[in-house]
Amino acid sequence: MNTFKKDLRRNVSYQKEWENAECWNLSLKYSKLLVKNINSSELYSLCLGIYSQYVKELNSRNLPYKNKNYLQVWETMVNTVKKGEKSRQAVKLLHQTNSKRSI
């Protein structure tokens, strides 16, 4: 009985770790799209569109997407670009964060 609980905890932990890594890898995929179009005159609308695609893919894969760090960095980037201050730097920081966090 004791080993069963231990194995169950291990499996749950592994599943959470895998989901987290998968979410960061998807985030990197979408931030690469942003970096390729960083000089766009419509950067804000592009950011919103790509962010929306990212969230939809998380949802379609049944991955957690509420109150997670990988979404928080996207929301921060979108808000910074919306203000029009240091928009390119915000996109670059998002991509750098994703590059470090993805596996």
PDB file of N, CA and C in Angstrom:
ATOM      1  N   MET A   1       0.831  -1.202   0.000  1.00  0.00           N
ATOM      2  CA  MET A   1       0.000   0.000   0.000  1.00  0.00           C
ATOM      3  C   MET A   1       0.865   1.252   0.000  1.00  0.00           C
ATOM      4  N   ASN A   2       1.928   1.225   0.777  1.00  0.00           N
ATOM      5  CA  ASN A   2       2.797   2.387   0.893  1.00  0.00           C
ATOM      6  C   ASN A   2       3.504   2.689  -0.424  1.00  0.00           C
ATOM      7  N   THR A   3       3.956   1.664  -1.112  1.00  0.00           N
ATOM      8  CA  THR A   3       4.629   1.884  -2.398  1.00  0.00           C
ATOM      9  C   THR A   3       3.645   2.351  -3.462  1.00  0.00           C
ATOM     10  N   PHE A   4       2.399   1.932  -3.344  1.00  0.00           N
ATOM     11  CA  PHE A   4       1.381   2.379  -4.291  1.00  0.00           C
ATOM     12  C   PHE A   4       1.203   3.894  -4.196  1.00  0.00           C
ATOM     13  N   LYS A   5       1.091   4.411  -2.987  1.00  0.00           N
ATOM     14  CA  LYS A   5       0.935   5.854  -2.790  1.00  0.00           C
ATOM     15  C   LYS A   5       2.173   6.610  -3.269  1.00  0.00           C
ATOM     16  N   LYS A   6       3.304   6.036  -2.998  1.00  0.00           N
ATOM     17  CA  LYS A   6       4.556   6.658  -3.425  1.00  0.00           C
ATOM     18  C   LYS A   6       4.634   6.719  -4.947  1.00  0.00           C
ATOM     19  N   ASP A   7       4.268   5.631  -5.618  1.00  0.00           N
ATOM     20  CA  ASP A   7       4.267   5.617  -7.083  1.00  0.00           C
ATOM     21  C   ASP A   7       3.238   6.582  -7.649  1.00  0.00           C
ATOM     22  N   LEU A   8       2.104   6.670  -7.009  1.00  0.00           N
ATOM     23  CA  LEU A   8       1.063   7.595  -7.451  1.00  0.00           C
ATOM     24  C   LEU A   8       1.540   9.045  -7.353  1.00  0.00           C
ATOM     25  N   ARG A   9       2.154   9.378  -6.224  1.00  0.00           N
ATOM     26  CA  ARG A   9       2.702  10.738  -6.056  1.00  0.00           C
ATOM     27  C   ARG A   9       3.771  11.032  -7.098  1.00  0.00           C
ATOM     28  N   ARG A  10       4.619  10.047  -7.355  1.00  0.00           N
ATOM     29  CA  ARG A  10       5.677  10.200  -8.351  1.00  0.00           C
ATOM     30  C   ARG A  10       5.074  10.437  -9.741  1.00  0.00           C
ATOM     31  N   ASN A  11       4.039   9.694 -10.091  1.00  0.00           N
ATOM     32  CA  ASN A  11       3.389   9.850 -11.391  1.00  0.00           C
ATOM     33  C   ASN A  11       2.711  11.212 -11.523  1.00  0.00           C
ATOM     34  N   VAL A  12       2.068  11.655 -10.472  1.00  0.00           N
ATOM     35  CA  VAL A  12       1.422  12.971 -10.486  1.00  0.00           C
ATOM     36  C   VAL A  12       2.478  14.062 -10.638  1.00  0.00           C
ATOM     37  N   SER A  13       3.550  13.924  -9.922  1.00  0.00           N
ATOM     38  CA  SER A  13       4.636  14.899 -10.007  1.00  0.00           C
ATOM     39  C   SER A  13       5.250  14.925 -11.402  1.00  0.00           C
ATOM     40  N   TYR A  14       5.462  13.761 -11.976  1.00  0.00           N
ATOM     41  CA  TYR A  14       6.015  13.675 -13.325  1.00  0.00           C
ATOM     42  C   TYR A  14       5.076  14.317 -14.337  1.00  0.00           C
ATOM     43  N   GLN A  15       3.779  14.072 -14.188  1.00  0.00           N
ATOM     44  CA  GLN A  15       2.789  14.639 -15.111  1.00  0.00           C
ATOM     45  C   GLN A  15       2.796  16.170 -15.040  1.00  0.00           C
ATOM     46  N   LYS A  16       2.856  16.728 -13.838  1.00  0.00           N
ATOM     47  CA  LYS A  16       2.903  18.185 -13.683  1.00  0.00           C
ATOM     48  C   LYS A  16       4.173  18.761 -14.294  1.00  0.00           C
ATOM     49  N   GLU A  17       5.287  18.084 -14.088  1.00  0.00           N
ATOM     50  CA  GLU A  17       6.558  18.542 -14.649  1.00  0.00           C
ATOM     51  C   GLU A  17       6.518  18.508 -16.176  1.00  0.00           C
ATOM     52  N   TRP A  18       5.957  17.438 -16.729  1.00  0.00           N
ATOM     53  CA  TRP A  18       5.841  17.326 -18.183  1.00  0.00           C
ATOM     54  C   TRP A  18       4.943  18.421 -18.747  1.00  0.00           C
ATOM     55  N   GLU A  19       3.802  18.677 -18.101  1.00  0.00           N
ATOM     56  CA  GLU A  19       2.888  19.723 -18.556  1.00  0.00           C
ATOM     57  C   GLU A  19       3.569  21.088 -18.532  1.00  0.00           C
ATOM     58  N   ASN A  20       4.296  21.365 -17.471  1.00  0.00           N
ATOM     59  CA  ASN A  20       4.987  22.642 -17.355  1.00  0.00           C
ATOM     60  C   ASN A  20       6.017  22.815 -18.475  1.00  0.00           C
ATOM     61  N   ALA A  21       6.790  21.773 -18.726  1.00  0.00           N
ATOM     62  CA  ALA A  21       7.788  21.827 -19.798  1.00  0.00           C
ATOM     63  C   ALA A  21       7.114  21.997 -21.153  1.00  0.00           C
ATOM     64  N   GLU A  22       6.029  21.318 -21.376  1.00  0.00           N
ATOM     65  CA  GLU A  22       5.295  21.418 -22.647  1.00  0.00           C
ATOM     66  C   GLU A  22       4.760  22.840 -22.856  1.00  0.00           C
ATOM     67  N   CYS A  23       4.258  23.442 -21.806  1.00  0.00           N
ATOM     68  CA  CYS A  23       3.734  24.816 -21.898  1.00  0.00           C
ATOM     69  C   CYS A  23       4.842  25.811 -22.216  1.00  0.00           C
ATOM     70  N   TRP A  24       6.008  25.651 -21.598  1.00  0.00           N
ATOM     71  CA  TRP A  24       7.129  26.535 -21.893  1.00  0.00           C
ATOM     72  C   TRP A  24       7.632  26.326 -23.316  1.00  0.00           C
ATOM     73  N   ASN A  25       7.647  25.092 -23.792  1.00  0.00           N
ATOM     74  CA  ASN A  25       8.079  24.825 -25.167  1.00  0.00           C
ATOM     75  C   ASN A  25       7.118  25.452 -26.175  1.00  0.00           C
ATOM     76  N   LEU A  26       5.824  25.373 -25.900  1.00  0.00           N
ATOM     77  CA  LEU A  26       4.843  26.025 -26.772  1.00  0.00           C
ATOM     78  C   LEU A  26       5.016  27.542 -26.734  1.00  0.00           C
ATOM     79  N   SER A  27       5.289  28.064 -25.563  1.00  0.00           N
ATOM     80  CA  SER A  27       5.502  29.501 -25.428  1.00  0.00           C
ATOM     81  C   SER A  27       6.696  29.948 -26.265  1.00  0.00           C
ATOM     82  N   LEU A  28       7.747  29.151 -26.259  1.00  0.00           N
ATOM     83  CA  LEU A  28       8.921  29.450 -27.080  1.00  0.00           C
ATOM     84  C   LEU A  28       8.557  29.437 -28.563  1.00  0.00           C
ATOM     85  N   LYS A  29       7.782  28.467 -28.965  1.00  0.00           N
ATOM     86  CA  LYS A  29       7.343  28.364 -30.371  1.00  0.00           C
ATOM     87  C   LYS A  29       6.652  29.652 -30.818  1.00  0.00           C
ATOM     88  N   TYR A  30       5.754  30.165 -29.987  1.00  0.00           N
ATOM     89  CA  TYR A  30       5.018  31.362 -30.364  1.00  0.00           C
ATOM     90  C   TYR A  30       5.857  32.635 -30.209  1.00  0.00           C
ATOM     91  N   SER A  31       6.769  32.655 -29.265  1.00  0.00           N
ATOM     92  CA  SER A  31       7.614  33.844 -29.139  1.00  0.00           C
ATOM     93  C   SER A  31       8.580  33.951 -30.317  1.00  0.00           C
ATOM     94  N   LYS A  32       8.960  32.813 -30.905  1.00  0.00           N
ATOM     95  CA  LYS A  32       9.795  32.848 -32.115  1.00  0.00           C
ATOM     96  C   LYS A  32       9.061  33.538 -33.252  1.00  0.00           C
ATOM     97  N   LEU A  33       7.760  33.310 -33.351  1.00  0.00           N
ATOM     98  CA  LEU A  33       6.960  33.997 -34.371  1.00  0.00           C
ATOM     99  C   LEU A  33       6.979  35.512 -34.152  1.00  0.00           C
ATOM    100  N   LEU A  34       6.882  35.910 -32.909  1.00  0.00           N
ATOM    101  CA  LEU A  34       6.913  37.342 -32.594  1.00  0.00           C
ATOM    102  C   LEU A  34       8.253  37.965 -32.946  1.00  0.00           C
ATOM    103  N   VAL A  35       9.328  37.284 -32.594  1.00  0.00           N
ATOM    104  CA  VAL A  35      10.664  37.826 -32.853  1.00  0.00           C
ATOM    105  C   VAL A  35      10.891  37.991 -34.354  1.00  0.00           C
ATOM    106  N   LYS A  36      10.384  37.051 -35.142  1.00  0.00           N
ATOM    107  CA  LYS A  36      10.537  37.154 -36.598  1.00  0.00           C
ATOM    108  C   LYS A  36       9.842  38.390 -37.154  1.00  0.00           C
ATOM    109  N   ASN A  37       8.795  38.850 -36.478  1.00  0.00           N
ATOM    110  CA  ASN A  37       8.021  39.995 -36.949  1.00  0.00           C
ATOM    111  C   ASN A  37       8.144  41.196 -36.014  1.00  0.00           C
ATOM    112  N   ILE A  38       9.273  41.311 -35.345  1.00  0.00           N
ATOM    113  CA  ILE A  38       9.440  42.333 -34.315  1.00  0.00           C
ATOM    114  C   ILE A  38       9.417  43.758 -34.872  1.00  0.00           C
ATOM    115  N   ASN A  39       9.716  43.918 -36.148  1.00  0.00           N
ATOM    116  CA  ASN A  39       9.732  45.255 -36.742  1.00  0.00           C
ATOM    117  C   ASN A  39       8.412  45.632 -37.403  1.00  0.00           C
ATOM    118  N   SER A  40       7.378  44.872 -37.127  1.00  0.00           N
ATOM    119  CA  SER A  40       6.065  45.136 -37.701  1.00  0.00           C
ATOM    120  C   SER A  40       5.512  46.468 -37.176  1.00  0.00           C
ATOM    121  N   SER A  41       4.837  47.188 -38.050  1.00  0.00           N
ATOM    122  CA  SER A  41       4.221  48.450 -37.624  1.00  0.00           C
ATOM    123  C   SER A  41       2.983  48.191 -36.765  1.00  0.00           C
ATOM    124  N   GLU A  42       2.444  47.007 -36.863  1.00  0.00           N
ATOM    125  CA  GLU A  42       1.268  46.610 -36.077  1.00  0.00           C
ATOM    126  C   GLU A  42       1.665  45.596 -35.003  1.00  0.00           C
ATOM    127  N   LEU A  43       2.698  45.900 -34.247  1.00  0.00           N
ATOM    128  CA  LEU A  43       3.241  44.944 -33.278  1.00  0.00           C
ATOM    129  C   LEU A  43       2.220  44.583 -32.203  1.00  0.00           C
ATOM    130  N   TYR A  44       1.456  45.549 -31.740  1.00  0.00           N
ATOM    131  CA  TYR A  44       0.492  45.270 -30.671  1.00  0.00           C
ATOM    132  C   TYR A  44      -0.569  44.270 -31.125  1.00  0.00           C
ATOM    133  N   SER A  45      -1.155  44.483 -32.290  1.00  0.00           N
ATOM    134  CA  SER A  45      -2.183  43.557 -32.775  1.00  0.00           C
ATOM    135  C   SER A  45      -1.571  42.183 -33.072  1.00  0.00           C
ATOM    136  N   LEU A  46      -0.337  42.173 -33.541  1.00  0.00           N
ATOM    137  CA  LEU A  46       0.367  40.915 -33.782  1.00  0.00           C
ATOM    138  C   LEU A  46       0.579  40.166 -32.464  1.00  0.00           C
ATOM    139  N   CYS A  47       0.986  40.892 -31.429  1.00  0.00           N
ATOM    140  CA  CYS A  47       1.186  40.281 -30.110  1.00  0.00           C
ATOM    141  C   CYS A  47      -0.116  39.684 -29.577  1.00  0.00           C
ATOM    142  N   LEU A  48      -1.210  40.430 -29.718  1.00  0.00           N
ATOM    143  CA  LEU A  48      -2.499  39.923 -29.251  1.00  0.00           C
ATOM    144  C   LEU A  48      -2.910  38.665 -30.003  1.00  0.00           C
ATOM    145  N   GLY A  49      -2.707  38.669 -31.320  1.00  0.00           N
ATOM    146  CA  GLY A  49      -3.080  37.515 -32.124  1.00  0.00           C
ATOM    147  C   GLY A  49      -2.278  36.276 -31.778  1.00  0.00           C
ATOM    148  N   ILE A  50      -0.984  36.440 -31.644  1.00  0.00           N
ATOM    149  CA  ILE A  50      -0.126  35.295 -31.330  1.00  0.00           C
ATOM    150  C   ILE A  50      -0.373  34.810 -29.900  1.00  0.00           C
ATOM    151  N   TYR A  51      -0.584  35.731 -28.981  1.00  0.00           N
ATOM    152  CA  TYR A  51      -0.916  35.356 -27.604  1.00  0.00           C
ATOM    153  C   TYR A  51      -2.221  34.556 -27.578  1.00  0.00           C
ATOM    154  N   SER A  52      -3.188  34.997 -28.337  1.00  0.00           N
ATOM    155  CA  SER A  52      -4.468  34.295 -28.418  1.00  0.00           C
ATOM    156  C   SER A  52      -4.292  32.887 -28.981  1.00  0.00           C
ATOM    157  N   GLN A  53      -3.472  32.749 -30.004  1.00  0.00           N
ATOM    158  CA  GLN A  53      -3.203  31.427 -30.578  1.00  0.00           C
ATOM    159  C   GLN A  53      -2.538  30.514 -29.541  1.00  0.00           C
ATOM    160  N   TYR A  54      -1.615  31.074 -28.782  1.00  0.00           N
ATOM    161  CA  TYR A  54      -0.913  30.309 -27.749  1.00  0.00           C
ATOM    162  C   TYR A  54      -1.902  29.782 -26.706  1.00  0.00           C
ATOM    163  N   VAL A  55      -2.775  30.649 -26.224  1.00  0.00           N
ATOM    164  CA  VAL A  55      -3.750  30.239 -25.212  1.00  0.00           C
ATOM    165  C   VAL A  55      -4.704  29.190 -25.781  1.00  0.00           C
ATOM    166  N   LYS A  56      -5.114  29.367 -27.030  1.00  0.00           N
ATOM    167  CA  LYS A  56      -6.007  28.389 -27.655  1.00  0.00           C
ATOM    168  C   LYS A  56      -5.337  27.024 -27.775  1.00  0.00           C
ATOM    169  N   GLU A  57      -4.052  27.010 -28.109  1.00  0.00           N
ATOM    170  CA  GLU A  57      -3.356  25.726 -28.208  1.00  0.00           C
ATOM    171  C   GLU A  57      -3.217  25.069 -26.843  1.00  0.00           C
ATOM    172  N   LEU A  58      -2.936  25.857 -25.806  1.00  0.00           N
ATOM    173  CA  LEU A  58      -2.882  25.303 -24.449  1.00  0.00           C
ATOM    174  C   LEU A  58      -4.227  24.675 -24.089  1.00  0.00           C
ATOM    175  N   ASN A  59      -5.282  25.402 -24.398  1.00  0.00           N
ATOM    176  CA  ASN A  59      -6.630  24.932 -24.088  1.00  0.00           C
ATOM    177  C   ASN A  59      -6.970  23.669 -24.875  1.00  0.00           C
ATOM    178  N   SER A  60      -6.629  23.648 -26.149  1.00  0.00           N
ATOM    179  CA  SER A  60      -6.960  22.480 -26.975  1.00  0.00           C
ATOM    180  C   SER A  60      -6.182  21.240 -26.557  1.00  0.00           C
ATOM    181  N   ARG A  61      -5.024  21.420 -25.981  1.00  0.00           N
ATOM    182  CA  ARG A  61      -4.222  20.284 -25.495  1.00  0.00           C
ATOM    183  C   ARG A  61      -4.533  19.944 -24.034  1.00  0.00           C
ATOM    184  N   ASN A  62      -5.519  20.636 -23.461  1.00  0.00           N
ATOM    185  CA  ASN A  62      -5.910  20.431 -22.068  1.00  0.00           C
ATOM    186  C   ASN A  62      -4.753  20.661 -21.102  1.00  0.00           C
ATOM    187  N   LEU A  63      -3.942  21.661 -21.401  1.00  0.00           N
ATOM    188  CA  LEU A  63      -2.838  22.030 -20.519  1.00  0.00           C
ATOM    189  C   LEU A  63      -3.290  23.171 -19.616  1.00  0.00           C
ATOM    190  N   PRO A  64      -2.769  23.234 -18.400  1.00  0.00           N
ATOM    191  CA  PRO A  64      -3.194  24.298 -17.477  1.00  0.00           C
ATOM    192  C   PRO A  64      -2.768  25.671 -17.986  1.00  0.00           C
ATOM    193  N   TYR A  65      -3.670  26.628 -17.910  1.00  0.00           N
ATOM    194  CA  TYR A  65      -3.341  27.954 -18.409  1.00  0.00           C
ATOM    195  C   TYR A  65      -3.877  29.075 -17.520  1.00  0.00           C
ATOM    196  N   LYS A  66      -4.221  28.787 -16.307  1.00  0.00           N
ATOM    197  CA  LYS A  66      -4.674  29.832 -15.398  1.00  0.00           C
ATOM    198  C   LYS A  66      -3.663  29.985 -14.271  1.00  0.00           C
ATOM    199  N   ASN A  67      -3.308  31.238 -14.011  1.00  0.00           N
ATOM    200  CA  ASN A  67      -2.383  31.571 -12.928  1.00  0.00           C
ATOM    201  C   ASN A  67      -1.039  30.853 -13.052  1.00  0.00           C
ATOM    202  N   LYS A  68      -0.476  30.848 -14.238  1.00  0.00           N
ATOM    203  CA  LYS A  68       0.802  30.191 -14.490  1.00  0.00           C
ATOM    204  C   LYS A  68       1.839  31.215 -14.938  1.00  0.00           C
ATOM    205  N   ASN A  69       3.098  30.968 -14.603  1.00  0.00           N
ATOM    206  CA  ASN A  69       4.180  31.891 -14.948  1.00  0.00           C
ATOM    207  C   ASN A  69       4.325  32.090 -16.443  1.00  0.00           C
ATOM    208  N   TYR A  70       4.148  31.022 -17.217  1.00  0.00           N
ATOM    209  CA  TYR A  70       4.327  31.142 -18.660  1.00  0.00           C
ATOM    210  C   TYR A  70       3.262  32.034 -19.288  1.00  0.00           C
ATOM    211  N   LEU A  71       2.124  32.182 -18.665  1.00  0.00           N
ATOM    212  CA  LEU A  71       1.122  33.134 -19.163  1.00  0.00           C
ATOM    213  C   LEU A  71       1.379  34.538 -18.623  1.00  0.00           C
ATOM    214  N   GLN A  72       1.889  34.602 -17.426  1.00  0.00           N
ATOM    215  CA  GLN A  72       2.166  35.897 -16.816  1.00  0.00           C
ATOM    216  C   GLN A  72       3.204  36.681 -17.619  1.00  0.00           C
ATOM    217  N   VAL A  73       4.221  36.004 -18.152  1.00  0.00           N
ATOM    218  CA  VAL A  73       5.227  36.712 -18.946  1.00  0.00           C
ATOM    219  C   VAL A  73       4.612  37.242 -20.247  1.00  0.00           C
ATOM    220  N   TRP A  74       3.678  36.479 -20.823  1.00  0.00           N
ATOM    221  CA  TRP A  74       2.980  36.948 -22.029  1.00  0.00           C
ATOM    222  C   TRP A  74       2.107  38.162 -21.715  1.00  0.00           C
ATOM    223  N   GLU A  75       1.374  38.112 -20.620  1.00  0.00           N
ATOM    224  CA  GLU A  75       0.500  39.224 -20.247  1.00  0.00           C
ATOM    225  C   GLU A  75       1.305  40.491 -19.978  1.00  0.00           C
ATOM    226  N   THR A  76       2.444  40.338 -19.332  1.00  0.00           N
ATOM    227  CA  THR A  76       3.319  41.478 -19.079  1.00  0.00           C
ATOM    228  C   THR A  76       3.811  42.076 -20.390  1.00  0.00           C
ATOM    229  N   MET A  77       4.218  41.215 -21.317  1.00  0.00           N
ATOM    230  CA  MET A  77       4.697  41.679 -22.618  1.00  0.00           C
ATOM    231  C   MET A  77       3.590  42.410 -23.368  1.00  0.00           C
ATOM    232  N   VAL A  78       2.387  41.850 -23.398  1.00  0.00           N
ATOM    233  CA  VAL A  78       1.271  42.479 -24.115  1.00  0.00           C
ATOM    234  C   VAL A  78       0.948  43.838 -23.501  1.00  0.00           C
ATOM    235  N   ASN A  79       0.929  43.937 -22.186  1.00  0.00           N
ATOM    236  CA  ASN A  79       0.641  45.214 -21.528  1.00  0.00           C
ATOM    237  C   ASN A  79       1.722  46.253 -21.814  1.00  0.00           C
ATOM    238  N   THR A  80       2.965  45.831 -21.861  1.00  0.00           N
ATOM    239  CA  THR A  80       4.064  46.751 -22.161  1.00  0.00           C
ATOM    240  C   THR A  80       3.964  47.251 -23.595  1.00  0.00           C
ATOM    241  N   VAL A  81       3.687  46.345 -24.516  1.00  0.00           N
ATOM    242  CA  VAL A  81       3.561  46.742 -25.926  1.00  0.00           C
ATOM    243  C   VAL A  81       2.353  47.662 -26.106  1.00  0.00           C
ATOM    244  N   LYS A  82       1.287  47.408 -25.366  1.00  0.00           N
ATOM    245  CA  LYS A  82       0.079  48.250 -25.443  1.00  0.00           C
ATOM    246  C   LYS A  82       0.393  49.691 -25.053  1.00  0.00           C
ATOM    247  N   LYS A  83       1.246  49.858 -24.053  1.00  0.00           N
ATOM    248  CA  LYS A  83       1.636  51.197 -23.616  1.00  0.00           C
ATOM    249  C   LYS A  83       2.519  51.890 -24.647  1.00  0.00           C
ATOM    250  N   GLY A  84       3.133  51.093 -25.521  1.00  0.00           N
ATOM    251  CA  GLY A  84       3.997  51.661 -26.553  1.00  0.00           C
ATOM    252  C   GLY A  84       5.397  51.974 -26.078  1.00  0.00           C
ATOM    253  N   GLU A  85       5.716  51.551 -24.888  1.00  0.00           N
ATOM    254  CA  GLU A  85       7.040  51.830 -24.319  1.00  0.00           C
ATOM    255  C   GLU A  85       7.923  50.587 -24.434  1.00  0.00           C
ATOM    256  N   LYS A  86       9.033  50.747 -25.096  1.00  0.00           N
ATOM    257  CA  LYS A  86      10.027  49.668 -25.194  1.00  0.00           C
ATOM    258  C   LYS A  86       9.392  48.366 -25.677  1.00  0.00           C
ATOM    259  N   SER A  87       8.586  48.453 -26.714  1.00  0.00           N
ATOM    260  CA  SER A  87       7.854  47.297 -27.228  1.00  0.00           C
ATOM    261  C   SER A  87       8.784  46.191 -27.708  1.00  0.00           C
ATOM    262  N   ARG A  88       9.783  46.559 -28.474  1.00  0.00           N
ATOM    263  CA  ARG A  88      10.707  45.552 -28.996  1.00  0.00           C
ATOM    264  C   ARG A  88      11.468  44.871 -27.867  1.00  0.00           C
ATOM    265  N   GLN A  89      11.833  45.638 -26.849  1.00  0.00           N
ATOM    266  CA  GLN A  89      12.549  45.055 -25.714  1.00  0.00           C
ATOM    267  C   GLN A  89      11.663  44.073 -24.956  1.00  0.00           C
ATOM    268  N   ALA A  90      10.375  44.377 -24.860  1.00  0.00           N
ATOM    269  CA  ALA A  90       9.443  43.481 -24.169  1.00  0.00           C
ATOM    270  C   ALA A  90       9.335  42.152 -24.897  1.00  0.00           C
ATOM    271  N   VAL A  91       9.276  42.198 -26.228  1.00  0.00           N
ATOM    272  CA  VAL A  91       9.202  40.973 -27.024  1.00  0.00           C
ATOM    273  C   VAL A  91      10.500  40.180 -26.884  1.00  0.00           C
ATOM    274  N   LYS A  92      11.616  40.872 -26.913  1.00  0.00           N
ATOM    275  CA  LYS A  92      12.906  40.191 -26.769  1.00  0.00           C
ATOM    276  C   LYS A  92      13.041  39.547 -25.389  1.00  0.00           C
ATOM    277  N   LEU A  93      12.561  40.234 -24.358  1.00  0.00           N
ATOM    278  CA  LEU A  93      12.620  39.678 -23.008  1.00  0.00           C
ATOM    279  C   LEU A  93      11.725  38.446 -22.890  1.00  0.00           C
ATOM    280  N   LEU A  94      10.557  38.492 -23.498  1.00  0.00           N
ATOM    281  CA  LEU A  94       9.676  37.324 -23.522  1.00  0.00           C
ATOM    282  C   LEU A  94      10.388  36.143 -24.168  1.00  0.00           C
ATOM    283  N   HIS A  95      10.992  36.382 -25.294  1.00  0.00           N
ATOM    284  CA  HIS A  95      11.674  35.306 -26.013  1.00  0.00           C
ATOM    285  C   HIS A  95      12.867  34.775 -25.211  1.00  0.00           C
ATOM    286  N   GLN A  96      13.602  35.668 -24.587  1.00  0.00           N
ATOM    287  CA  GLN A  96      14.738  35.248 -23.770  1.00  0.00           C
ATOM    288  C   GLN A  96      14.270  34.382 -22.594  1.00  0.00           C
ATOM    289  N   THR A  97      13.181  34.791 -21.947  1.00  0.00           N
ATOM    290  CA  THR A  97      12.636  34.023 -20.826  1.00  0.00           C
ATOM    291  C   THR A  97      12.207  32.639 -21.303  1.00  0.00           C
ATOM    292  N   ASN A  98      11.522  32.598 -22.436  1.00  0.00           N
ATOM    293  CA  ASN A  98      11.083  31.310 -22.977  1.00  0.00           C
ATOM    294  C   ASN A  98      12.255  30.416 -23.345  1.00  0.00           C
ATOM    295  N   SER A  99      13.288  31.003 -23.889  1.00  0.00           N
ATOM    296  CA  SER A  99      14.473  30.229 -24.275  1.00  0.00           C
ATOM    297  C   SER A  99      15.130  29.585 -23.061  1.00  0.00           C
ATOM    298  N   LYS A 100      15.151  30.303 -21.958  1.00  0.00           N
ATOM    299  CA  LYS A 100      15.785  29.778 -20.740  1.00  0.00           C
ATOM    300  C   LYS A 100      14.914  28.750 -20.042  1.00  0.00           C
ATOM    301  N   ARG A 101      13.603  28.931 -20.130  1.00  0.00           N
ATOM    302  CA  ARG A 101      12.687  28.047 -19.408  1.00  0.00           C
ATOM    303  C   ARG A 101      12.338  26.770 -20.165  1.00  0.00           C
ATOM    304  N   SER A 102      12.399  26.815 -21.476  1.00  0.00           N
ATOM    305  CA  SER A 102      12.029  25.623 -22.248  1.00  0.00           C
ATOM    306  C   SER A 102      13.158  24.600 -22.202  1.00  0.00           C
ATOM    307  N   ILE A 103      12.797  23.384 -22.467  1.00  0.00           N
ATOM    308  CA  ILE A 103      13.774  22.301 -22.390  1.00  0.00           C
ATOM    309  C   ILE A 103      14.133  21.826 -23.771  1.00  0.00           C
TER     310      ILE A 103
END
